[in-house]
Amino acid sequence: MADQDFEAHLRDYAALQEARALSERRETHAEATGHTIPASRIIAYARRADAVADFAVERALREQPSLRRIHDKALVAHAVAHSPRAIAAAGATQVSRMVGAHRVELIEEAGGAYLVIHLGSGTASVDTIEVRTPDGSGGRVKLGSPMRGIIQHRLDPDKSEQAAILTALVRPDAAIYFM
């Protein structure tokens, strides 16, 4: 019995040493590539169900183009629909853009800015929008339920995440993703 316990402890100790070595290799690789956040965390952030921001990830997305590319690819893979950059048409007070089968309009009035999404018929339902500019700014917000194929959402410029989305939406080089 004592020999079995000793062998089990040796296996556990060897597994712990392997885990430490793997962790050290990952840290060394992260330092060498300049990544402070692992790609798995960036991918999980892109696939999250809620609209809660992780400030460390947001900062890394703005500062590290390689992490931004990983995030963008994860969003494209996860999104119900997405719009590549530079396909926006903007007017003085309104932005209109096609995202897959959906039409997105940003209507700015004296009372605030309103996001109006006309859902394409026969398409999957969307409940979240994420907007990203090439420099990584932007954000994600949960949307309400559609009524007669239209989702309306007021963007409050006093809330930082919504203000970032509002700023990004008016840029023609911003990418839009629906989840």
N, C-alpha and C. Protein backbone atom coordinates (compact mmCIF):
# COMPACT_ATOMS: atom_id res chain seq x y z
N MET A 1 0.82 -1.19 0.00
CA MET A 1 0.00 0.00 0.00
C MET A 1 0.87 1.26 0.00
N ALA A 2 1.92 1.23 0.79
CA ALA A 2 2.80 2.39 0.87
C ALA A 2 3.50 2.64 -0.46
N ASP A 3 3.84 1.55 -1.18
CA ASP A 3 4.48 1.70 -2.48
C ASP A 3 3.53 2.36 -3.48
N GLN A 4 2.23 1.99 -3.42
CA GLN A 4 1.25 2.58 -4.33
C GLN A 4 1.07 4.06 -4.03
N ASP A 5 1.02 4.42 -2.76
CA ASP A 5 0.90 5.83 -2.39
C ASP A 5 2.12 6.62 -2.84
N PHE A 6 3.29 6.02 -2.66
CA PHE A 6 4.51 6.69 -3.07
C PHE A 6 4.53 6.91 -4.58
N GLU A 7 4.12 5.89 -5.36
CA GLU A 7 4.07 6.02 -6.82
C GLU A 7 3.04 7.06 -7.24
N ALA A 8 1.91 7.10 -6.56
CA ALA A 8 0.88 8.11 -6.87
C ALA A 8 1.42 9.51 -6.60
N HIS A 9 2.13 9.67 -5.50
CA HIS A 9 2.73 10.97 -5.19
C HIS A 9 3.78 11.36 -6.23
N LEU A 10 4.56 10.38 -6.66
CA LEU A 10 5.56 10.65 -7.69
C LEU A 10 4.90 11.09 -9.00
N ARG A 11 3.80 10.42 -9.38
CA ARG A 11 3.07 10.81 -10.60
C ARG A 11 2.51 12.22 -10.46
N ASP A 12 1.93 12.51 -9.30
CA ASP A 12 1.37 13.85 -9.07
C ASP A 12 2.46 14.91 -9.12
N TYR A 13 3.61 14.60 -8.52
CA TYR A 13 4.73 15.54 -8.51
C TYR A 13 5.24 15.77 -9.94
N ALA A 14 5.34 14.70 -10.73
CA ALA A 14 5.80 14.82 -12.11
C ALA A 14 4.80 15.65 -12.93
N ALA A 15 3.51 15.44 -12.70
CA ALA A 15 2.49 16.23 -13.41
C ALA A 15 2.59 17.70 -13.03
N LEU A 16 2.83 17.97 -11.76
CA LEU A 16 2.98 19.35 -11.30
C LEU A 16 4.20 20.00 -11.95
N GLN A 17 5.30 19.29 -12.02
CA GLN A 17 6.51 19.82 -12.65
C GLN A 17 6.27 20.10 -14.14
N GLU A 18 5.54 19.21 -14.82
CA GLU A 18 5.22 19.43 -16.24
C GLU A 18 4.35 20.66 -16.41
N ALA A 19 3.37 20.83 -15.52
CA ALA A 19 2.49 22.00 -15.59
C ALA A 19 3.28 23.28 -15.38
N ARG A 20 4.19 23.26 -14.42
CA ARG A 20 5.02 24.45 -14.18
C ARG A 20 5.89 24.77 -15.39
N ALA A 21 6.49 23.73 -15.97
CA ALA A 21 7.35 23.94 -17.14
C ALA A 21 6.53 24.50 -18.31
N LEU A 22 5.33 23.96 -18.50
CA LEU A 22 4.46 24.45 -19.57
C LEU A 22 4.08 25.91 -19.32
N SER A 23 3.76 26.23 -18.09
CA SER A 23 3.41 27.61 -17.74
C SER A 23 4.59 28.55 -17.99
N GLU A 24 5.78 28.13 -17.62
CA GLU A 24 6.97 28.95 -17.85
C GLU A 24 7.22 29.14 -19.34
N ARG A 25 7.03 28.08 -20.14
CA ARG A 25 7.21 28.21 -21.59
C ARG A 25 6.19 29.19 -22.16
N ARG A 26 4.95 29.12 -21.68
CA ARG A 26 3.92 30.04 -22.17
C ARG A 26 4.27 31.48 -21.80
N GLU A 27 4.74 31.69 -20.57
CA GLU A 27 5.12 33.04 -20.15
C GLU A 27 6.28 33.56 -20.98
N THR A 28 7.27 32.69 -21.25
CA THR A 28 8.41 33.09 -22.06
C THR A 28 7.96 33.43 -23.48
N HIS A 29 7.06 32.61 -24.03
CA HIS A 29 6.53 32.88 -25.37
C HIS A 29 5.75 34.18 -25.38
N ALA A 30 4.94 34.41 -24.35
CA ALA A 30 4.16 35.65 -24.28
C ALA A 30 5.07 36.87 -24.21
N GLU A 31 6.14 36.77 -23.43
CA GLU A 31 7.09 37.88 -23.35
C GLU A 31 7.79 38.10 -24.68
N ALA A 32 8.16 37.02 -25.35
CA ALA A 32 8.89 37.13 -26.62
C ALA A 32 8.01 37.73 -27.71
N THR A 33 6.72 37.39 -27.71
CA THR A 33 5.82 37.91 -28.75
C THR A 33 5.16 39.22 -28.34
N GLY A 34 5.34 39.62 -27.09
CA GLY A 34 4.73 40.86 -26.62
C GLY A 34 3.29 40.69 -26.16
N HIS A 35 2.80 39.47 -26.14
CA HIS A 35 1.42 39.22 -25.70
C HIS A 35 1.39 39.07 -24.18
N THR A 36 0.55 39.83 -23.56
CA THR A 36 0.38 39.71 -22.13
C THR A 36 -0.85 38.88 -21.79
N ILE A 37 -1.67 38.64 -22.79
CA ILE A 37 -2.90 37.87 -22.61
C ILE A 37 -2.86 36.71 -23.59
N PRO A 38 -3.15 35.49 -23.13
CA PRO A 38 -3.10 34.36 -24.06
C PRO A 38 -4.22 34.42 -25.10
N ALA A 39 -3.96 33.82 -26.24
CA ALA A 39 -4.95 33.82 -27.33
C ALA A 39 -6.25 33.15 -26.90
N SER A 40 -6.16 32.14 -26.05
CA SER A 40 -7.38 31.46 -25.60
C SER A 40 -8.31 32.42 -24.86
N ARG A 41 -7.74 33.35 -24.11
CA ARG A 41 -8.57 34.34 -23.41
C ARG A 41 -9.19 35.33 -24.39
N ILE A 42 -8.45 35.70 -25.44
CA ILE A 42 -8.98 36.60 -26.46
C ILE A 42 -10.14 35.93 -27.19
N ILE A 43 -9.98 34.66 -27.54
CA ILE A 43 -11.04 33.92 -28.24
C ILE A 43 -12.26 33.77 -27.34
N ALA A 44 -12.05 33.44 -26.08
CA ALA A 44 -13.18 33.32 -25.14
C ALA A 44 -13.89 34.66 -24.98
N TYR A 45 -13.14 35.74 -25.00
CA TYR A 45 -13.74 37.08 -24.88
C TYR A 45 -14.60 37.38 -26.10
N ALA A 46 -14.15 36.99 -27.27
CA ALA A 46 -14.93 37.22 -28.49
C ALA A 46 -16.21 36.39 -28.49
N ARG A 47 -16.17 35.21 -27.87
CA ARG A 47 -17.32 34.30 -27.89
C ARG A 47 -18.23 34.45 -26.68
N ARG A 48 -17.94 35.39 -25.79
CA ARG A 48 -18.73 35.52 -24.57
C ARG A 48 -20.19 35.84 -24.90
N ALA A 49 -21.07 35.40 -24.03
CA ALA A 49 -22.51 35.58 -24.27
C ALA A 49 -22.99 36.95 -23.79
N ASP A 50 -22.32 37.53 -22.82
CA ASP A 50 -22.79 38.81 -22.28
C ASP A 50 -22.05 39.97 -22.93
N ALA A 51 -22.38 41.15 -22.52
CA ALA A 51 -21.75 42.34 -23.09
C ALA A 51 -20.84 43.02 -22.08
N VAL A 52 -20.39 42.28 -21.07
CA VAL A 52 -19.53 42.85 -20.03
C VAL A 52 -18.11 42.99 -20.57
N ALA A 53 -17.53 44.16 -20.39
CA ALA A 53 -16.20 44.45 -20.91
C ALA A 53 -15.12 43.99 -19.93
N ASP A 54 -14.04 43.43 -20.46
CA ASP A 54 -12.85 43.09 -19.70
C ASP A 54 -11.81 44.13 -20.09
N PHE A 55 -11.51 45.04 -19.17
CA PHE A 55 -10.67 46.18 -19.52
C PHE A 55 -9.25 45.78 -19.91
N ALA A 56 -8.72 44.72 -19.32
CA ALA A 56 -7.38 44.27 -19.70
C ALA A 56 -7.37 43.78 -21.15
N VAL A 57 -8.41 43.05 -21.54
CA VAL A 57 -8.51 42.57 -22.92
C VAL A 57 -8.73 43.74 -23.87
N GLU A 58 -9.61 44.66 -23.50
CA GLU A 58 -9.86 45.83 -24.35
C GLU A 58 -8.58 46.62 -24.58
N ARG A 59 -7.79 46.81 -23.54
CA ARG A 59 -6.52 47.54 -23.67
C ARG A 59 -5.57 46.77 -24.59
N ALA A 60 -5.50 45.45 -24.42
CA ALA A 60 -4.63 44.63 -25.27
C ALA A 60 -5.07 44.68 -26.73
N LEU A 61 -6.38 44.73 -26.97
CA LEU A 61 -6.88 44.80 -28.35
C LEU A 61 -6.49 46.12 -29.01
N ARG A 62 -6.46 47.19 -28.23
CA ARG A 62 -6.07 48.49 -28.79
C ARG A 62 -4.56 48.56 -29.01
N GLU A 63 -3.78 47.89 -28.16
CA GLU A 63 -2.33 48.03 -28.21
C GLU A 63 -1.61 46.99 -29.06
N GLN A 64 -2.22 45.83 -29.29
CA GLN A 64 -1.52 44.74 -29.96
C GLN A 64 -2.28 44.27 -31.20
N PRO A 65 -1.81 44.65 -32.38
CA PRO A 65 -2.49 44.27 -33.62
C PRO A 65 -2.64 42.76 -33.80
N SER A 66 -1.68 41.98 -33.34
CA SER A 66 -1.78 40.52 -33.52
C SER A 66 -2.94 39.95 -32.70
N LEU A 67 -3.15 40.46 -31.50
CA LEU A 67 -4.29 40.02 -30.70
C LEU A 67 -5.59 40.51 -31.31
N ARG A 68 -5.56 41.70 -31.91
CA ARG A 68 -6.76 42.23 -32.58
C ARG A 68 -7.15 41.33 -33.75
N ARG A 69 -6.17 40.83 -34.49
CA ARG A 69 -6.47 39.92 -35.61
C ARG A 69 -7.08 38.61 -35.11
N ILE A 70 -6.55 38.09 -34.01
CA ILE A 70 -7.11 36.87 -33.42
C ILE A 70 -8.55 37.13 -33.00
N HIS A 71 -8.79 38.25 -32.35
CA HIS A 71 -10.13 38.62 -31.89
C HIS A 71 -11.09 38.77 -33.07
N ASP A 72 -10.66 39.45 -34.12
CA ASP A 72 -11.51 39.64 -35.29
C ASP A 72 -11.87 38.30 -35.94
N LYS A 73 -10.91 37.40 -36.07
CA LYS A 73 -11.19 36.09 -36.67
C LYS A 73 -12.15 35.29 -35.79
N ALA A 74 -12.00 35.38 -34.48
CA ALA A 74 -12.91 34.67 -33.57
C ALA A 74 -14.32 35.25 -33.67
N LEU A 75 -14.43 36.57 -33.81
CA LEU A 75 -15.74 37.20 -33.97
C LEU A 75 -16.41 36.76 -35.26
N VAL A 76 -15.66 36.73 -36.35
CA VAL A 76 -16.22 36.30 -37.63
C VAL A 76 -16.73 34.87 -37.53
N ALA A 77 -15.96 34.01 -36.88
CA ALA A 77 -16.36 32.60 -36.75
C ALA A 77 -17.60 32.45 -35.87
N HIS A 78 -17.76 33.31 -34.89
CA HIS A 78 -18.86 33.20 -33.92
C HIS A 78 -20.10 33.97 -34.34
N ALA A 79 -19.95 34.96 -35.18
CA ALA A 79 -21.05 35.87 -35.50
C ALA A 79 -22.10 35.21 -36.39
N VAL A 80 -23.35 35.61 -36.17
CA VAL A 80 -24.45 35.21 -37.04
C VAL A 80 -24.30 35.93 -38.38
N ALA A 81 -23.91 37.19 -38.32
CA ALA A 81 -23.66 38.01 -39.51
C ALA A 81 -22.58 39.02 -39.17
N HIS A 82 -21.81 39.41 -40.16
CA HIS A 82 -20.81 40.46 -39.94
C HIS A 82 -20.64 41.27 -41.21
N SER A 83 -20.16 42.47 -41.03
CA SER A 83 -19.91 43.37 -42.15
C SER A 83 -18.43 43.69 -42.17
N PRO A 84 -17.77 43.43 -43.28
CA PRO A 84 -16.36 43.82 -43.35
C PRO A 84 -16.24 45.34 -43.35
N ARG A 85 -15.04 45.79 -43.14
CA ARG A 85 -14.79 47.23 -43.08
C ARG A 85 -15.03 47.90 -44.43
N ALA A 86 -15.25 49.19 -44.37
CA ALA A 86 -15.33 50.07 -45.54
C ALA A 86 -16.51 49.76 -46.46
N ILE A 87 -17.66 49.40 -45.87
CA ILE A 87 -18.86 49.22 -46.69
C ILE A 87 -19.97 50.09 -46.12
N ALA A 88 -19.64 51.17 -45.49
CA ALA A 88 -20.66 52.01 -44.87
C ALA A 88 -21.00 53.17 -45.77
N ALA A 89 -22.24 53.61 -45.67
CA ALA A 89 -22.67 54.83 -46.34
C ALA A 89 -23.13 55.77 -45.25
N ALA A 90 -22.58 56.93 -45.20
CA ALA A 90 -22.90 57.86 -44.12
C ALA A 90 -23.44 59.16 -44.67
N GLY A 91 -24.46 59.67 -44.00
CA GLY A 91 -25.00 60.98 -44.33
C GLY A 91 -24.70 61.92 -43.19
N ALA A 92 -25.30 63.08 -43.21
CA ALA A 92 -25.04 64.07 -42.16
C ALA A 92 -25.56 63.60 -40.81
N THR A 93 -26.76 63.01 -40.79
CA THR A 93 -27.35 62.62 -39.51
C THR A 93 -27.68 61.14 -39.45
N GLN A 94 -27.34 60.37 -40.46
CA GLN A 94 -27.73 58.97 -40.47
C GLN A 94 -26.65 58.12 -41.11
N VAL A 95 -26.41 56.95 -40.53
CA VAL A 95 -25.51 55.96 -41.08
C VAL A 95 -26.36 54.74 -41.40
N SER A 96 -26.21 54.19 -42.59
CA SER A 96 -26.95 53.00 -42.98
C SER A 96 -25.96 51.99 -43.54
N ARG A 97 -26.12 50.74 -43.14
CA ARG A 97 -25.13 49.74 -43.53
C ARG A 97 -25.76 48.35 -43.53
N MET A 98 -25.40 47.53 -44.50
CA MET A 98 -25.86 46.15 -44.55
C MET A 98 -24.86 45.26 -43.81
N VAL A 99 -25.40 44.41 -42.95
CA VAL A 99 -24.60 43.44 -42.21
C VAL A 99 -25.24 42.09 -42.47
N GLY A 100 -24.68 41.34 -43.39
CA GLY A 100 -25.34 40.11 -43.81
C GLY A 100 -26.66 40.48 -44.46
N ALA A 101 -27.75 39.87 -43.98
CA ALA A 101 -29.08 40.17 -44.51
C ALA A 101 -29.77 41.29 -43.73
N HIS A 102 -29.10 41.83 -42.73
CA HIS A 102 -29.69 42.85 -41.86
C HIS A 102 -29.23 44.25 -42.26
N ARG A 103 -30.12 45.21 -42.13
CA ARG A 103 -29.75 46.62 -42.38
C ARG A 103 -29.65 47.32 -41.03
N VAL A 104 -28.53 47.99 -40.81
CA VAL A 104 -28.28 48.72 -39.57
C VAL A 104 -28.33 50.21 -39.88
N GLU A 105 -29.08 50.94 -39.09
CA GLU A 105 -29.14 52.39 -39.24
C GLU A 105 -28.82 53.02 -37.89
N LEU A 106 -28.05 54.06 -37.94
CA LEU A 106 -27.79 54.88 -36.76
C LEU A 106 -28.43 56.22 -37.03
N ILE A 107 -29.41 56.55 -36.22
CA ILE A 107 -30.14 57.80 -36.40
C ILE A 107 -29.81 58.71 -35.22
N GLU A 108 -29.19 59.84 -35.52
CA GLU A 108 -28.83 60.80 -34.48
C GLU A 108 -29.82 61.95 -34.51
N GLU A 109 -30.43 62.18 -33.36
CA GLU A 109 -31.38 63.28 -33.21
C GLU A 109 -30.99 64.08 -31.98
N ALA A 110 -31.71 65.16 -31.75
CA ALA A 110 -31.41 66.01 -30.59
C ALA A 110 -31.53 65.23 -29.29
N GLY A 111 -32.44 64.27 -29.23
CA GLY A 111 -32.66 63.49 -28.01
C GLY A 111 -31.68 62.37 -27.80
N GLY A 112 -30.81 62.11 -28.75
CA GLY A 112 -29.84 61.04 -28.62
C GLY A 112 -29.65 60.29 -29.91
N ALA A 113 -28.96 59.18 -29.83
CA ALA A 113 -28.69 58.35 -31.00
C ALA A 113 -29.43 57.03 -30.85
N TYR A 114 -30.00 56.57 -31.95
CA TYR A 114 -30.77 55.34 -31.93
C TYR A 114 -30.22 54.38 -32.97
N LEU A 115 -30.03 53.16 -32.54
CA LEU A 115 -29.60 52.09 -33.42
C LEU A 115 -30.85 51.33 -33.84
N VAL A 116 -31.09 51.27 -35.14
CA VAL A 116 -32.27 50.58 -35.68
C VAL A 116 -31.76 49.47 -36.59
N ILE A 117 -32.17 48.24 -36.28
CA ILE A 117 -31.73 47.08 -37.04
C ILE A 117 -32.95 46.44 -37.69
N HIS A 118 -32.95 46.42 -39.01
CA HIS A 118 -34.02 45.77 -39.77
C HIS A 118 -33.53 44.36 -40.07
N LEU A 119 -34.13 43.37 -39.43
CA LEU A 119 -33.69 41.99 -39.58
C LEU A 119 -34.13 41.43 -40.93
N GLY A 120 -33.24 40.73 -41.58
CA GLY A 120 -33.58 40.08 -42.84
C GLY A 120 -34.55 38.94 -42.59
N SER A 121 -35.46 38.70 -43.51
CA SER A 121 -36.45 37.64 -43.32
C SER A 121 -35.78 36.27 -43.40
N GLY A 122 -36.22 35.38 -42.54
CA GLY A 122 -35.70 34.02 -42.53
C GLY A 122 -34.28 33.89 -42.01
N THR A 123 -33.79 34.88 -41.29
CA THR A 123 -32.42 34.83 -40.77
C THR A 123 -32.44 34.51 -39.28
N ALA A 124 -31.30 34.11 -38.77
CA ALA A 124 -31.18 33.80 -37.35
C ALA A 124 -31.36 35.07 -36.53
N SER A 125 -31.93 34.89 -35.35
CA SER A 125 -32.15 36.03 -34.46
C SER A 125 -30.82 36.52 -33.90
N VAL A 126 -30.72 37.81 -33.68
CA VAL A 126 -29.52 38.40 -33.09
C VAL A 126 -29.90 39.04 -31.77
N ASP A 127 -29.00 38.97 -30.80
CA ASP A 127 -29.28 39.63 -29.52
C ASP A 127 -28.13 40.47 -29.03
N THR A 128 -27.02 40.49 -29.78
CA THR A 128 -25.84 41.26 -29.39
C THR A 128 -25.20 41.85 -30.63
N ILE A 129 -24.68 43.07 -30.50
CA ILE A 129 -23.92 43.70 -31.58
C ILE A 129 -22.55 44.08 -31.02
N GLU A 130 -21.52 43.85 -31.82
CA GLU A 130 -20.17 44.30 -31.48
C GLU A 130 -19.65 45.09 -32.67
N VAL A 131 -19.05 46.23 -32.37
CA VAL A 131 -18.50 47.11 -33.40
C VAL A 131 -17.03 47.35 -33.05
N ARG A 132 -16.14 47.16 -34.03
CA ARG A 132 -14.70 47.34 -33.82
C ARG A 132 -14.10 48.14 -34.96
N THR A 133 -13.25 49.09 -34.61
CA THR A 133 -12.49 49.85 -35.60
C THR A 133 -11.14 49.16 -35.79
N PRO A 134 -10.39 49.50 -36.83
CA PRO A 134 -9.09 48.86 -37.04
C PRO A 134 -8.12 49.04 -35.88
N ASP A 135 -8.27 50.11 -35.10
CA ASP A 135 -7.37 50.31 -33.96
C ASP A 135 -7.83 49.58 -32.71
N GLY A 136 -8.93 48.81 -32.80
CA GLY A 136 -9.39 48.00 -31.67
C GLY A 136 -10.42 48.66 -30.79
N SER A 137 -10.74 49.92 -31.03
CA SER A 137 -11.75 50.56 -30.19
C SER A 137 -13.13 50.09 -30.62
N GLY A 138 -14.09 50.32 -29.77
CA GLY A 138 -15.46 49.89 -30.02
C GLY A 138 -15.99 49.18 -28.80
N GLY A 139 -16.96 48.32 -28.98
CA GLY A 139 -17.52 47.60 -27.85
C GLY A 139 -18.66 46.70 -28.27
N ARG A 140 -19.30 46.14 -27.26
CA ARG A 140 -20.40 45.20 -27.45
C ARG A 140 -21.56 45.61 -26.57
N VAL A 141 -22.77 45.42 -27.09
CA VAL A 141 -23.95 45.76 -26.31
C VAL A 141 -25.04 44.73 -26.61
N LYS A 142 -25.81 44.38 -25.57
CA LYS A 142 -26.96 43.49 -25.71
C LYS A 142 -28.09 44.29 -26.33
N LEU A 143 -28.83 43.65 -27.22
CA LEU A 143 -29.96 44.29 -27.88
C LEU A 143 -31.27 43.76 -27.30
N GLY A 144 -32.32 44.52 -27.50
CA GLY A 144 -33.63 44.09 -27.06
C GLY A 144 -34.23 43.09 -28.04
N SER A 145 -35.45 42.68 -27.75
CA SER A 145 -36.16 41.74 -28.62
C SER A 145 -36.71 42.46 -29.84
N PRO A 146 -36.75 41.77 -30.97
CA PRO A 146 -37.30 42.41 -32.17
C PRO A 146 -38.82 42.51 -32.11
N MET A 147 -39.33 43.56 -32.72
CA MET A 147 -40.77 43.73 -32.89
C MET A 147 -41.02 43.93 -34.38
N ARG A 148 -41.76 43.00 -34.97
CA ARG A 148 -42.05 43.05 -36.41
C ARG A 148 -40.78 43.14 -37.25
N GLY A 149 -39.76 42.41 -36.83
CA GLY A 149 -38.53 42.36 -37.61
C GLY A 149 -37.60 43.53 -37.42
N ILE A 150 -37.86 44.36 -36.40
CA ILE A 150 -37.02 45.54 -36.17
C ILE A 150 -36.57 45.56 -34.71
N ILE A 151 -35.30 45.83 -34.50
CA ILE A 151 -34.76 46.03 -33.16
C ILE A 151 -34.35 47.48 -33.05
N GLN A 152 -34.82 48.14 -31.99
CA GLN A 152 -34.43 49.53 -31.73
C GLN A 152 -33.68 49.57 -30.41
N HIS A 153 -32.59 50.32 -30.40
CA HIS A 153 -31.79 50.43 -29.18
C HIS A 153 -31.24 51.85 -29.08
N ARG A 154 -31.48 52.49 -27.96
CA ARG A 154 -30.94 53.84 -27.74
C ARG A 154 -29.51 53.71 -27.24
N LEU A 155 -28.60 54.42 -27.87
CA LEU A 155 -27.20 54.44 -27.44
C LEU A 155 -26.99 55.67 -26.57
N ASP A 156 -26.67 55.43 -25.33
CA ASP A 156 -26.48 56.51 -24.36
C ASP A 156 -25.02 56.98 -24.40
N PRO A 157 -24.76 58.20 -24.86
CA PRO A 157 -23.37 58.68 -24.94
C PRO A 157 -22.71 58.87 -23.58
N ASP A 158 -23.50 58.82 -22.49
CA ASP A 158 -22.92 58.95 -21.16
C ASP A 158 -22.36 57.63 -20.63
N LYS A 159 -22.69 56.53 -21.28
CA LYS A 159 -22.15 55.21 -20.90
C LYS A 159 -20.98 54.91 -21.82
N SER A 160 -19.83 54.64 -21.24
CA SER A 160 -18.59 54.54 -22.03
C SER A 160 -18.65 53.48 -23.13
N GLU A 161 -19.18 52.31 -22.83
CA GLU A 161 -19.25 51.24 -23.84
C GLU A 161 -20.14 51.66 -25.01
N GLN A 162 -21.28 52.25 -24.70
CA GLN A 162 -22.21 52.68 -25.75
C GLN A 162 -21.66 53.88 -26.51
N ALA A 163 -20.95 54.76 -25.84
CA ALA A 163 -20.32 55.90 -26.52
C ALA A 163 -19.25 55.41 -27.49
N ALA A 164 -18.51 54.37 -27.09
CA ALA A 164 -17.48 53.81 -27.97
C ALA A 164 -18.11 53.18 -29.21
N ILE A 165 -19.25 52.52 -29.02
CA ILE A 165 -19.97 51.93 -30.15
C ILE A 165 -20.48 53.03 -31.07
N LEU A 166 -21.03 54.07 -30.49
CA LEU A 166 -21.54 55.20 -31.27
C LEU A 166 -20.43 55.83 -32.10
N THR A 167 -19.28 56.05 -31.49
CA THR A 167 -18.13 56.63 -32.19
C THR A 167 -17.66 55.71 -33.31
N ALA A 168 -17.64 54.40 -33.04
CA ALA A 168 -17.16 53.44 -34.05
C ALA A 168 -18.14 53.30 -35.21
N LEU A 169 -19.44 53.34 -34.92
CA LEU A 169 -20.44 53.14 -35.98
C LEU A 169 -20.38 54.19 -37.08
N VAL A 170 -19.99 55.40 -36.75
CA VAL A 170 -19.95 56.45 -37.77
C VAL A 170 -18.69 56.36 -38.64
N ARG A 171 -17.76 55.49 -38.27
CA ARG A 171 -16.54 55.32 -39.06
C ARG A 171 -16.77 54.26 -40.13
N PRO A 172 -16.49 54.58 -41.39
CA PRO A 172 -16.71 53.59 -42.45
C PRO A 172 -15.77 52.40 -42.39
N ASP A 173 -14.67 52.50 -41.64
CA ASP A 173 -13.74 51.38 -41.56
C ASP A 173 -14.01 50.46 -40.39
N ALA A 174 -15.12 50.66 -39.68
CA ALA A 174 -15.47 49.80 -38.54
C ALA A 174 -16.14 48.52 -39.03
N ALA A 175 -15.86 47.44 -38.34
CA ALA A 175 -16.51 46.15 -38.63
C ALA A 175 -17.64 45.95 -37.64
N ILE A 176 -18.73 45.37 -38.11
CA ILE A 176 -19.91 45.12 -37.27
C ILE A 176 -20.16 43.62 -37.24
N TYR A 177 -20.43 43.10 -36.04
CA TYR A 177 -20.70 41.68 -35.86
C TYR A 177 -22.00 41.52 -35.08
N PHE A 178 -22.84 40.60 -35.51
CA PHE A 178 -24.05 40.25 -34.77
C PHE A 178 -23.87 38.86 -34.19
N MET A 179 -24.23 38.71 -32.93
CA MET A 179 -24.21 37.41 -32.28
C MET A 179 -25.61 37.12 -31.77
